[in-house]
């Protein structure tokens, strides 16, 4: 039997192939090590986990005072690990205490977007302006943004090519604002290969981008949520939004539709569709 250490290393490599960012992989690693330690203290092994082991650990976390949101995220790590082990059923029907978890996705309103863009433009930093417009108007992940090369951008056709580790590459149209901000940035900085570079002409890291966004009280994930949410609000189909965002699971995209539909709207939809004559 393989040791748990070897299995975790293989799992981390698998996550890389799945296209997970370095921050996500680091988080998964930390949480899995914590789970492994708990299992060993209870004379069990990570590679042999059962449904009962998962449920007991979740209950243990709840007893320690972990919030439902945190517990759900940890369960998500174990759920992904169970898929890697080809034993997804061990995480089915795991019970988590319900708390005040917010279902609504955190995104920016149009007014908040205007404030953010105004603040970034006032900074007069062409690179940061281009980055914010790219994240907000394309919905790409920060890892994808940092991996962009100049060759991935076509300002004439107004498109950006995003490479996916699974081979499911996608092309996203660029708004006029993105094209203009990129043109201004590239003219001012003249990067050679990597699109977004530091002052020392090195490819920007995810941490550098997140640090910059933090100065404007936002983050890349919120901008990605905003991109998807605004498309859904404009009536764009879930299928199109899913493809533009590069979601591998359509259920992820459905959350944006759910977060904006009230119970009253559900009721109106039923009454409009099924009249007394039907």
C-alpha atoms as a PDB file:
ATOM      1  CA  UNK A   1       0.000   0.000   0.000  1.00  0.00           C
ATOM      2  CA  UNK A   2       1.207   3.485  -0.826  1.00  0.00           C
ATOM      3  CA  UNK A   3       1.983   5.815   2.030  1.00  0.00           C
ATOM      4  CA  UNK A   4      -0.311   8.788   2.603  1.00  0.00           C
ATOM      5  CA  UNK A   5       2.586  11.173   1.918  1.00  0.00           C
ATOM      6  CA  UNK A   6       3.082   9.733  -1.557  1.00  0.00           C
ATOM      7  CA  UNK A   7      -0.659   9.836  -2.199  1.00  0.00           C
ATOM      8  CA  UNK A   8      -0.889  13.490  -1.183  1.00  0.00           C
ATOM      9  CA  UNK A   9       2.020  14.373  -3.472  1.00  0.00           C
ATOM     10  CA  UNK A  10       0.274  12.590  -6.345  1.00  0.00           C
ATOM     11  CA  UNK A  11      -2.937  14.427  -5.492  1.00  0.00           C
ATOM     12  CA  UNK A  12      -1.157  17.803  -5.612  1.00  0.00           C
ATOM     13  CA  UNK A  13       0.300  16.930  -9.017  1.00  0.00           C
ATOM     14  CA  UNK A  14      -3.175  15.929 -10.171  1.00  0.00           C
ATOM     15  CA  UNK A  15      -4.506  19.324  -9.024  1.00  0.00           C
ATOM     16  CA  UNK A  16      -1.865  21.055 -11.139  1.00  0.00           C
ATOM     17  CA  UNK A  17      -3.011  19.083 -14.161  1.00  0.00           C
ATOM     18  CA  UNK A  18      -6.580  20.086 -13.314  1.00  0.00           C
ATOM     19  CA  UNK A  19      -5.547  23.716 -13.679  1.00  0.00           C
ATOM     20  CA  UNK A  20      -5.804  24.721 -10.008  1.00  0.00           C
ATOM     21  CA  UNK A  21      -3.898  27.845  -8.998  1.00  0.00           C
ATOM     22  CA  UNK A  22      -0.849  27.647  -6.725  1.00  0.00           C
ATOM     23  CA  UNK A  23      -2.824  29.286  -3.892  1.00  0.00           C
ATOM     24  CA  UNK A  24      -5.614  26.720  -4.189  1.00  0.00           C
ATOM     25  CA  UNK A  25      -3.152  23.823  -4.244  1.00  0.00           C
ATOM     26  CA  UNK A  26      -1.415  25.203  -1.145  1.00  0.00           C
ATOM     27  CA  UNK A  27      -4.759  25.460   0.688  1.00  0.00           C
ATOM     28  CA  UNK A  28      -5.723  21.899  -0.287  1.00  0.00           C
ATOM     29  CA  UNK A  29      -2.331  20.671   0.921  1.00  0.00           C
ATOM     30  CA  UNK A  30      -2.663  22.357   4.320  1.00  0.00           C
ATOM     31  CA  UNK A  31      -6.222  21.137   4.936  1.00  0.00           C
ATOM     32  CA  UNK A  32      -5.427  17.606   3.839  1.00  0.00           C
ATOM     33  CA  UNK A  33      -2.430  17.462   6.199  1.00  0.00           C
ATOM     34  CA  UNK A  34      -4.677  18.586   9.069  1.00  0.00           C
ATOM     35  CA  UNK A  35      -7.174  15.877   8.195  1.00  0.00           C
ATOM     36  CA  UNK A  36      -4.398  13.290   7.956  1.00  0.00           C
ATOM     37  CA  UNK A  37      -3.112  14.250  11.425  1.00  0.00           C
ATOM     38  CA  UNK A  38      -6.618  13.904  12.899  1.00  0.00           C
ATOM     39  CA  UNK A  39      -7.030  10.491  11.262  1.00  0.00           C
ATOM     40  CA  UNK A  40      -3.687   9.252  12.557  1.00  0.00           C
ATOM     41  CA  UNK A  41      -4.555  10.398  16.074  1.00  0.00           C
ATOM     42  CA  UNK A  42      -7.638   8.198  15.716  1.00  0.00           C
ATOM     43  CA  UNK A  43      -5.589   5.288  14.312  1.00  0.00           C
ATOM     44  CA  UNK A  44      -6.817   5.627  10.746  1.00  0.00           C
ATOM     45  CA  UNK A  45      -5.128   6.293   7.398  1.00  0.00           C
ATOM     46  CA  UNK A  46      -5.908   8.939   4.807  1.00  0.00           C
ATOM     47  CA  UNK A  47      -5.821   6.523   1.872  1.00  0.00           C
ATOM     48  CA  UNK A  48      -8.448   4.304   3.541  1.00  0.00           C
ATOM     49  CA  UNK A  49     -11.006   6.963   4.530  1.00  0.00           C
ATOM     50  CA  UNK A  50     -14.663   6.010   4.621  1.00  0.00           C
ATOM     51  CA  UNK A  51     -17.930   7.943   4.664  1.00  0.00           C
ATOM     52  CA  UNK A  52     -17.969   7.567   8.452  1.00  0.00           C
ATOM     53  CA  UNK A  53     -14.450   9.040   8.726  1.00  0.00           C
ATOM     54  CA  UNK A  54     -15.497  12.111   6.746  1.00  0.00           C
ATOM     55  CA  UNK A  55     -18.683  12.650   8.746  1.00  0.00           C
ATOM     56  CA  UNK A  56     -16.852  12.288  12.068  1.00  0.00           C
ATOM     57  CA  UNK A  57     -14.231  14.839  11.001  1.00  0.00           C
ATOM     58  CA  UNK A  58     -16.883  17.351   9.955  1.00  0.00           C
ATOM     59  CA  UNK A  59     -18.604  16.875  13.321  1.00  0.00           C
ATOM     60  CA  UNK A  60     -15.229  17.338  15.037  1.00  0.00           C
ATOM     61  CA  UNK A  61     -14.685  20.640  13.213  1.00  0.00           C
ATOM     62  CA  UNK A  62     -18.161  21.844  14.184  1.00  0.00           C
ATOM     63  CA  UNK A  63     -17.487  21.000  17.825  1.00  0.00           C
ATOM     64  CA  UNK A  64     -14.311  23.100  17.626  1.00  0.00           C
ATOM     65  CA  UNK A  65     -16.453  26.047  16.584  1.00  0.00           C
ATOM     66  CA  UNK A  66     -15.674  26.161  12.872  1.00  0.00           C
ATOM     67  CA  UNK A  67     -18.272  28.139  10.922  1.00  0.00           C
ATOM     68  CA  UNK A  68     -20.510  26.388   8.354  1.00  0.00           C
ATOM     69  CA  UNK A  69     -18.717  28.303   5.592  1.00  0.00           C
ATOM     70  CA  UNK A  70     -15.284  27.089   6.728  1.00  0.00           C
ATOM     71  CA  UNK A  71     -16.508  23.538   7.306  1.00  0.00           C
ATOM     72  CA  UNK A  72     -18.075  23.473   3.848  1.00  0.00           C
ATOM     73  CA  UNK A  73     -14.785  24.587   2.269  1.00  0.00           C
ATOM     74  CA  UNK A  74     -12.869  21.850   4.105  1.00  0.00           C
ATOM     75  CA  UNK A  75     -15.439  19.302   2.978  1.00  0.00           C
ATOM     76  CA  UNK A  76     -14.864  20.586  -0.554  1.00  0.00           C
ATOM     77  CA  UNK A  77     -11.162  19.725  -0.212  1.00  0.00           C
ATOM     78  CA  UNK A  78     -11.986  16.208   0.992  1.00  0.00           C
ATOM     79  CA  UNK A  79     -14.587  15.838  -1.751  1.00  0.00           C
ATOM     80  CA  UNK A  80     -11.993  16.682  -4.410  1.00  0.00           C
ATOM     81  CA  UNK A  81      -9.525  14.280  -2.796  1.00  0.00           C
ATOM     82  CA  UNK A  82     -12.142  11.529  -2.821  1.00  0.00           C
ATOM     83  CA  UNK A  83     -12.620  12.072  -6.570  1.00  0.00           C
ATOM     84  CA  UNK A  84      -8.875  11.658  -6.997  1.00  0.00           C
ATOM     85  CA  UNK A  85      -9.071   8.389  -5.035  1.00  0.00           C
ATOM     86  CA  UNK A  86     -11.951   7.343  -7.333  1.00  0.00           C
ATOM     87  CA  UNK A  87     -14.159   6.999  -4.252  1.00  0.00           C
ATOM     88  CA  UNK A  88     -16.515  10.018  -4.624  1.00  0.00           C
ATOM     89  CA  UNK A  89     -19.330   8.234  -2.789  1.00  0.00           C
ATOM     90  CA  UNK A  90     -17.574   8.621   0.587  1.00  0.00           C
ATOM     91  CA  UNK A  91     -18.534  12.309   0.638  1.00  0.00           C
ATOM     92  CA  UNK A  92     -22.169  11.838  -0.385  1.00  0.00           C
ATOM     93  CA  UNK A  93     -24.829  13.041   2.087  1.00  0.00           C
ATOM     94  CA  UNK A  94     -22.389  14.454   4.623  1.00  0.00           C
ATOM     95  CA  UNK A  95     -24.358  16.490   7.153  1.00  0.00           C
ATOM     96  CA  UNK A  96     -23.209  20.024   7.990  1.00  0.00           C
ATOM     97  CA  UNK A  97     -24.933  22.228  10.545  1.00  0.00           C
ATOM     98  CA  UNK A  98     -26.600  25.161   8.849  1.00  0.00           C
ATOM     99  CA  UNK A  99     -25.638  28.610  10.022  1.00  0.00           C
ATOM    100  CA  UNK A 100     -25.892  32.082   8.593  1.00  0.00           C
ATOM    101  CA  UNK A 101     -24.052  31.142   5.399  1.00  0.00           C
ATOM    102  CA  UNK A 102     -24.800  33.644   2.649  1.00  0.00           C
ATOM    103  CA  UNK A 103     -25.941  32.116  -0.636  1.00  0.00           C
ATOM    104  CA  UNK A 104     -25.472  35.352  -2.516  1.00  0.00           C
ATOM    105  CA  UNK A 105     -22.257  35.610  -4.453  1.00  0.00           C
ATOM    106  CA  UNK A 106     -20.120  38.631  -3.642  1.00  0.00           C
ATOM    107  CA  UNK A 107     -19.906  40.841  -6.704  1.00  0.00           C
ATOM    108  CA  UNK A 108     -19.768  44.555  -7.514  1.00  0.00           C
ATOM    109  CA  UNK A 109     -22.782  46.558  -8.571  1.00  0.00           C
ATOM    110  CA  UNK A 110     -22.509  48.763 -11.656  1.00  0.00           C
ATOM    111  CA  UNK A 111     -22.075  51.803  -9.415  1.00  0.00           C
ATOM    112  CA  UNK A 112     -19.293  50.087  -7.467  1.00  0.00           C
ATOM    113  CA  UNK A 113     -17.606  49.143 -10.751  1.00  0.00           C
ATOM    114  CA  UNK A 114     -17.658  52.773 -11.842  1.00  0.00           C
ATOM    115  CA  UNK A 115     -16.089  53.865  -8.549  1.00  0.00           C
ATOM    116  CA  UNK A 116     -13.382  51.199  -8.807  1.00  0.00           C
ATOM    117  CA  UNK A 117     -12.522  52.042 -12.418  1.00  0.00           C
ATOM    118  CA  UNK A 118     -12.435  55.748 -11.647  1.00  0.00           C
ATOM    119  CA  UNK A 119     -10.023  55.206  -8.755  1.00  0.00           C
ATOM    120  CA  UNK A 120      -7.763  52.987 -10.854  1.00  0.00           C
ATOM    121  CA  UNK A 121      -7.741  55.458 -13.766  1.00  0.00           C
ATOM    122  CA  UNK A 122      -6.853  58.281 -11.376  1.00  0.00           C
ATOM    123  CA  UNK A 123      -3.747  56.316 -10.361  1.00  0.00           C
ATOM    124  CA  UNK A 124      -2.428  56.910 -13.907  1.00  0.00           C
ATOM    125  CA  UNK A 125      -0.734  53.495 -13.811  1.00  0.00           C
ATOM    126  CA  UNK A 126      -1.312  52.031 -17.291  1.00  0.00           C
ATOM    127  CA  UNK A 127      -0.507  48.480 -16.212  1.00  0.00           C
ATOM    128  CA  UNK A 128      -2.900  48.451 -13.257  1.00  0.00           C
ATOM    129  CA  UNK A 129      -5.645  50.058 -15.340  1.00  0.00           C
ATOM    130  CA  UNK A 130      -5.256  47.365 -18.007  1.00  0.00           C
ATOM    131  CA  UNK A 131      -5.246  44.590 -15.375  1.00  0.00           C
ATOM    132  CA  UNK A 132      -8.467  45.746 -13.715  1.00  0.00           C
ATOM    133  CA  UNK A 133     -10.245  46.147 -17.040  1.00  0.00           C
ATOM    134  CA  UNK A 134      -9.047  42.697 -18.140  1.00  0.00           C
ATOM    135  CA  UNK A 135     -10.260  40.983 -14.976  1.00  0.00           C
ATOM    136  CA  UNK A 136     -13.557  42.855 -14.915  1.00  0.00           C
ATOM    137  CA  UNK A 137     -14.415  42.606 -18.631  1.00  0.00           C
ATOM    138  CA  UNK A 138     -13.145  39.088 -19.379  1.00  0.00           C
ATOM    139  CA  UNK A 139     -13.690  37.244 -16.075  1.00  0.00           C
ATOM    140  CA  UNK A 140     -10.389  35.395 -16.376  1.00  0.00           C
ATOM    141  CA  UNK A 141      -8.743  33.925 -13.303  1.00  0.00           C
ATOM    142  CA  UNK A 142      -5.751  35.737 -11.823  1.00  0.00           C
ATOM    143  CA  UNK A 143      -3.591  32.705 -12.659  1.00  0.00           C
ATOM    144  CA  UNK A 144      -4.713  32.976 -16.287  1.00  0.00           C
ATOM    145  CA  UNK A 145      -4.005  36.702 -16.341  1.00  0.00           C
ATOM    146  CA  UNK A 146      -0.456  36.223 -15.053  1.00  0.00           C
ATOM    147  CA  UNK A 147       0.174  33.468 -17.617  1.00  0.00           C
ATOM    148  CA  UNK A 148      -0.792  35.659 -20.578  1.00  0.00           C
ATOM    149  CA  UNK A 149       1.796  36.377 -23.249  1.00  0.00           C
ATOM    150  CA  UNK A 150       1.656  39.186 -25.794  1.00  0.00           C
ATOM    151  CA  UNK A 151       0.983  36.522 -28.435  1.00  0.00           C
ATOM    152  CA  UNK A 152      -2.289  35.662 -26.674  1.00  0.00           C
ATOM    153  CA  UNK A 153      -3.685  39.137 -27.346  1.00  0.00           C
ATOM    154  CA  UNK A 154      -5.024  40.213 -30.753  1.00  0.00           C
ATOM    155  CA  UNK A 155      -5.975  43.878 -30.637  1.00  0.00           C
ATOM    156  CA  UNK A 156      -7.089  43.860 -34.267  1.00  0.00           C
ATOM    157  CA  UNK A 157      -9.691  41.131 -33.865  1.00  0.00           C
ATOM    158  CA  UNK A 158     -10.213  42.241 -30.232  1.00  0.00           C
ATOM    159  CA  UNK A 159      -9.768  38.798 -28.686  1.00  0.00           C
ATOM    160  CA  UNK A 160      -7.708  37.086 -26.020  1.00  0.00           C
ATOM    161  CA  UNK A 161      -6.789  33.395 -26.095  1.00  0.00           C
ATOM    162  CA  UNK A 162      -6.811  31.609 -22.753  1.00  0.00           C
ATOM    163  CA  UNK A 163      -4.897  28.341 -22.443  1.00  0.00           C
ATOM    164  CA  UNK A 164      -6.397  25.577 -20.323  1.00  0.00           C
ATOM    165  CA  UNK A 165      -4.338  22.715 -18.909  1.00  0.00           C
ATOM    166  CA  UNK A 166      -7.079  20.314 -20.021  1.00  0.00           C
ATOM    167  CA  UNK A 167      -6.787  21.488 -23.597  1.00  0.00           C
ATOM    168  CA  UNK A 168     -10.183  23.211 -23.372  1.00  0.00           C
ATOM    169  CA  UNK A 169      -8.786  26.558 -24.521  1.00  0.00           C
ATOM    170  CA  UNK A 170     -11.191  29.445 -24.961  1.00  0.00           C
ATOM    171  CA  UNK A 171     -11.281  32.751 -26.814  1.00  0.00           C
ATOM    172  CA  UNK A 172     -12.863  35.775 -25.139  1.00  0.00           C
ATOM    173  CA  UNK A 173     -13.849  38.942 -27.025  1.00  0.00           C
ATOM    174  CA  UNK A 174     -12.340  42.154 -25.671  1.00  0.00           C
ATOM    175  CA  UNK A 175     -14.404  45.246 -24.913  1.00  0.00           C
ATOM    176  CA  UNK A 176     -13.380  48.608 -26.352  1.00  0.00           C
ATOM    177  CA  UNK A 177     -12.229  49.684 -22.895  1.00  0.00           C
ATOM    178  CA  UNK A 178      -9.961  46.643 -22.560  1.00  0.00           C
ATOM    179  CA  UNK A 179      -8.491  47.180 -26.034  1.00  0.00           C
ATOM    180  CA  UNK A 180      -7.779  50.834 -25.263  1.00  0.00           C
ATOM    181  CA  UNK A 181      -6.267  50.177 -21.838  1.00  0.00           C
ATOM    182  CA  UNK A 182      -4.075  47.372 -23.238  1.00  0.00           C
ATOM    183  CA  UNK A 183      -2.915  49.594 -26.109  1.00  0.00           C
ATOM    184  CA  UNK A 184      -1.983  52.373 -23.672  1.00  0.00           C
ATOM    185  CA  UNK A 185      -0.158  49.937 -21.397  1.00  0.00           C
ATOM    186  CA  UNK A 186       1.771  48.162 -24.149  1.00  0.00           C
ATOM    187  CA  UNK A 187       2.818  51.461 -25.694  1.00  0.00           C
ATOM    188  CA  UNK A 188       4.038  52.813 -22.347  1.00  0.00           C
ATOM    189  CA  UNK A 189       5.802  49.675 -21.062  1.00  0.00           C
ATOM    190  CA  UNK A 190       6.569  47.733 -24.266  1.00  0.00           C
ATOM    191  CA  UNK A 191       6.703  44.246 -22.688  1.00  0.00           C
ATOM    192  CA  UNK A 192       8.671  41.659 -24.694  1.00  0.00           C
ATOM    193  CA  UNK A 193       7.022  38.272 -24.067  1.00  0.00           C
ATOM    194  CA  UNK A 194       4.929  38.133 -20.899  1.00  0.00           C
ATOM    195  CA  UNK A 195       2.002  40.542 -21.168  1.00  0.00           C
ATOM    196  CA  UNK A 196       1.962  41.877 -17.616  1.00  0.00           C
ATOM    197  CA  UNK A 197       5.376  42.508 -16.091  1.00  0.00           C
ATOM    198  CA  UNK A 198       6.905  44.072 -13.003  1.00  0.00           C
ATOM    199  CA  UNK A 199       9.140  47.135 -12.873  1.00  0.00           C
ATOM    200  CA  UNK A 200      12.092  44.769 -13.360  1.00  0.00           C
ATOM    201  CA  UNK A 201      10.425  43.376 -16.505  1.00  0.00           C
ATOM    202  CA  UNK A 202       9.606  40.004 -14.934  1.00  0.00           C
ATOM    203  CA  UNK A 203       6.259  38.251 -15.313  1.00  0.00           C
ATOM    204  CA  UNK A 204       3.825  39.416 -12.646  1.00  0.00           C
ATOM    205  CA  UNK A 205       2.946  36.939  -9.912  1.00  0.00           C
ATOM    206  CA  UNK A 206      -0.560  36.224  -8.654  1.00  0.00           C
ATOM    207  CA  UNK A 207       0.421  37.635  -5.267  1.00  0.00           C
ATOM    208  CA  UNK A 208       1.529  40.933  -6.855  1.00  0.00           C
ATOM    209  CA  UNK A 209      -1.804  41.306  -8.646  1.00  0.00           C
ATOM    210  CA  UNK A 210      -3.814  40.509  -5.517  1.00  0.00           C
ATOM    211  CA  UNK A 211      -1.719  42.968  -3.511  1.00  0.00           C
ATOM    212  CA  UNK A 212      -2.415  45.698  -6.061  1.00  0.00           C
ATOM    213  CA  UNK A 213      -6.157  44.968  -6.065  1.00  0.00           C
ATOM    214  CA  UNK A 214      -6.238  45.038  -2.276  1.00  0.00           C
ATOM    215  CA  UNK A 215      -5.311  48.737  -2.415  1.00  0.00           C
ATOM    216  CA  UNK A 216      -8.623  49.284  -4.179  1.00  0.00           C
ATOM    217  CA  UNK A 217     -10.512  47.146  -1.642  1.00  0.00           C
ATOM    218  CA  UNK A 218     -11.278  44.333  -4.072  1.00  0.00           C
ATOM    219  CA  UNK A 219      -9.843  41.026  -5.284  1.00  0.00           C
ATOM    220  CA  UNK A 220      -9.632  38.999  -8.483  1.00  0.00           C
ATOM    221  CA  UNK A 221     -12.309  36.524  -7.405  1.00  0.00           C
ATOM    222  CA  UNK A 222     -14.807  39.319  -6.800  1.00  0.00           C
ATOM    223  CA  UNK A 223     -14.078  40.786 -10.240  1.00  0.00           C
ATOM    224  CA  UNK A 224     -14.593  37.361 -11.814  1.00  0.00           C
ATOM    225  CA  UNK A 225     -17.898  36.991  -9.961  1.00  0.00           C
ATOM    226  CA  UNK A 226     -18.888  40.454 -11.183  1.00  0.00           C
ATOM    227  CA  UNK A 227     -18.170  39.525 -14.812  1.00  0.00           C
ATOM    228  CA  UNK A 228     -20.402  36.433 -14.594  1.00  0.00           C
ATOM    229  CA  UNK A 229     -23.127  38.140 -12.582  1.00  0.00           C
ATOM    230  CA  UNK A 230     -23.447  41.114 -14.930  1.00  0.00           C
ATOM    231  CA  UNK A 231     -23.741  38.803 -17.941  1.00  0.00           C
ATOM    232  CA  UNK A 232     -26.477  36.779 -16.236  1.00  0.00           C
ATOM    233  CA  UNK A 233     -28.279  39.991 -15.240  1.00  0.00           C
ATOM    234  CA  UNK A 234     -28.255  41.044 -18.900  1.00  0.00           C
ATOM    235  CA  UNK A 235     -30.007  37.839 -19.904  1.00  0.00           C
ATOM    236  CA  UNK A 236     -26.981  36.033 -21.333  1.00  0.00           C
ATOM    237  CA  UNK A 237     -27.547  32.257 -21.300  1.00  0.00           C
ATOM    238  CA  UNK A 238     -25.909  30.049 -18.686  1.00  0.00           C
ATOM    239  CA  UNK A 239     -24.205  28.056 -21.437  1.00  0.00           C
ATOM    240  CA  UNK A 240     -22.484  31.129 -22.898  1.00  0.00           C
ATOM    241  CA  UNK A 241     -21.443  32.470 -19.484  1.00  0.00           C
ATOM    242  CA  UNK A 242     -20.093  29.041 -18.544  1.00  0.00           C
ATOM    243  CA  UNK A 243     -17.967  28.872 -21.707  1.00  0.00           C
ATOM    244  CA  UNK A 244     -16.674  32.429 -21.359  1.00  0.00           C
ATOM    245  CA  UNK A 245     -15.733  31.864 -17.710  1.00  0.00           C
ATOM    246  CA  UNK A 246     -14.180  28.459 -18.388  1.00  0.00           C
ATOM    247  CA  UNK A 247     -16.377  26.679 -15.835  1.00  0.00           C
ATOM    248  CA  UNK A 248     -15.947  22.912 -16.016  1.00  0.00           C
ATOM    249  CA  UNK A 249     -19.205  22.382 -14.128  1.00  0.00           C
ATOM    250  CA  UNK A 250     -22.371  24.208 -15.224  1.00  0.00           C
ATOM    251  CA  UNK A 251     -23.643  24.049 -11.649  1.00  0.00           C
ATOM    252  CA  UNK A 252     -21.014  26.677 -10.802  1.00  0.00           C
ATOM    253  CA  UNK A 253     -22.567  29.048 -13.345  1.00  0.00           C
ATOM    254  CA  UNK A 254     -26.094  28.352 -12.104  1.00  0.00           C
ATOM    255  CA  UNK A 255     -25.215  29.967  -8.759  1.00  0.00           C
ATOM    256  CA  UNK A 256     -25.181  33.381 -10.428  1.00  0.00           C
ATOM    257  CA  UNK A 257     -28.716  32.916 -11.712  1.00  0.00           C
ATOM    258  CA  UNK A 258     -29.925  31.652  -8.350  1.00  0.00           C
ATOM    259  CA  UNK A 259     -28.400  34.560  -6.449  1.00  0.00           C
ATOM    260  CA  UNK A 260     -30.536  37.098  -8.324  1.00  0.00           C
ATOM    261  CA  UNK A 261     -33.902  35.311  -8.420  1.00  0.00           C
ATOM    262  CA  UNK A 262     -36.335  36.087  -5.616  1.00  0.00           C
ATOM    263  CA  UNK A 263     -39.192  33.835  -4.513  1.00  0.00           C
ATOM    264  CA  UNK A 264     -41.636  36.339  -5.993  1.00  0.00           C
ATOM    265  CA  UNK A 265     -40.015  35.959  -9.396  1.00  0.00           C
ATOM    266  CA  UNK A 266     -40.329  32.187  -9.132  1.00  0.00           C
ATOM    267  CA  UNK A 267     -44.026  32.573  -8.370  1.00  0.00           C
ATOM    268  CA  UNK A 268     -44.577  34.962 -11.296  1.00  0.00           C
ATOM    269  CA  UNK A 269     -42.769  32.585 -13.637  1.00  0.00           C
ATOM    270  CA  UNK A 270     -45.101  29.726 -12.708  1.00  0.00           C
ATOM    271  CA  UNK A 271     -48.240  31.848 -13.024  1.00  0.00           C
ATOM    272  CA  UNK A 272     -47.176  33.232 -16.411  1.00  0.00           C
ATOM    273  CA  UNK A 273     -46.359  29.786 -17.765  1.00  0.00           C
ATOM    274  CA  UNK A 274     -49.191  27.699 -16.369  1.00  0.00           C
ATOM    275  CA  UNK A 275     -52.486  29.538 -16.664  1.00  0.00           C
ATOM    276  CA  UNK A 276     -55.908  28.051 -15.947  1.00  0.00           C
ATOM    277  CA  UNK A 277     -56.230  27.103 -19.624  1.00  0.00           C
ATOM    278  CA  UNK A 278     -53.211  24.773 -19.506  1.00  0.00           C
END
